[in-house]
Amino acid sequence: MTLNPAQIDKVSDELRSFLRVEVRSKKLKKLDPSFYKNVTGALETLKEEAESYLVKQDITNYINLKARINDIERDFRALFQRRFEKIATLSIYDLDSELMNSLTPEEKEFITRLHIMMQDQYNLLLNKMPQKEEPEETSEEEAENPPEEKPTAPAEEQEAEAAAQKDEYLLVRIMGDQPPIAQPEGDYYLHDNDLVYLPENFAEILIKRKAALKVNLVQS
């Protein structure tokens, strides 16, 4: 995205202004959804101009543009450190609408993934998450003489076992496309209006942040 000089000046001024606010305030200032894209666009435009001056051997203008690029990158690094420190802290708690409305799309995706990781770690520390069983080692004798396969269980037993497994899962409808979510049992790729059974703890996290709705099955 190429910006004109006036747009670059605006991006630079906004960046310094947001940095001052983040340093002084404990709360997160609401950013425009396109904020990060605008900063990227300004830097890309300035770097292209600097390269063109270098090709023309116009060293004076090249040095001036490099200095401006360094100033924007320095301010952005400071803003990132201040802002994402707050975001990381807030990810421990429930993600309410007031907080989410103050974030850009990139920040929303980040805090959602971090929130789920925090909840997983909390449950892991309290032994609330099932531990994966390590496969038993097979001795040489067992390898040479494998046990006979057990006959397949009748359909009724299979249905009962499936029903028992579903007791620990919730059926939910996904509200909006979600970023890839890592869970102990594997990665989830959830999309808008998907109907899926999810582990109860994981499903409740999605429900709390309004990324999913619980579906109650009506039995006749």
Foldseek 3Di string as FASTA:
>chain_A
DADDPVLLVVLQVVLLVLLVCLVVDLDFAADDLCNVVSLVNSLVNLVVVLVVCVVVVVVVVNVVSVVVSVSSVVSVVSSCVSRVVSLLVCLCDQDDPVNLRRDHPVSNQVSLQSNVVNLQVVCVVVVNDDDDDDDDDDDPVCVVPPDDDDDDDDPVVVVVVVVVVLVQWFWKFFAAWHDWHADPVGIDGDHHGDTDIDGPSVVVSCVSNVRIGTDDDDDD
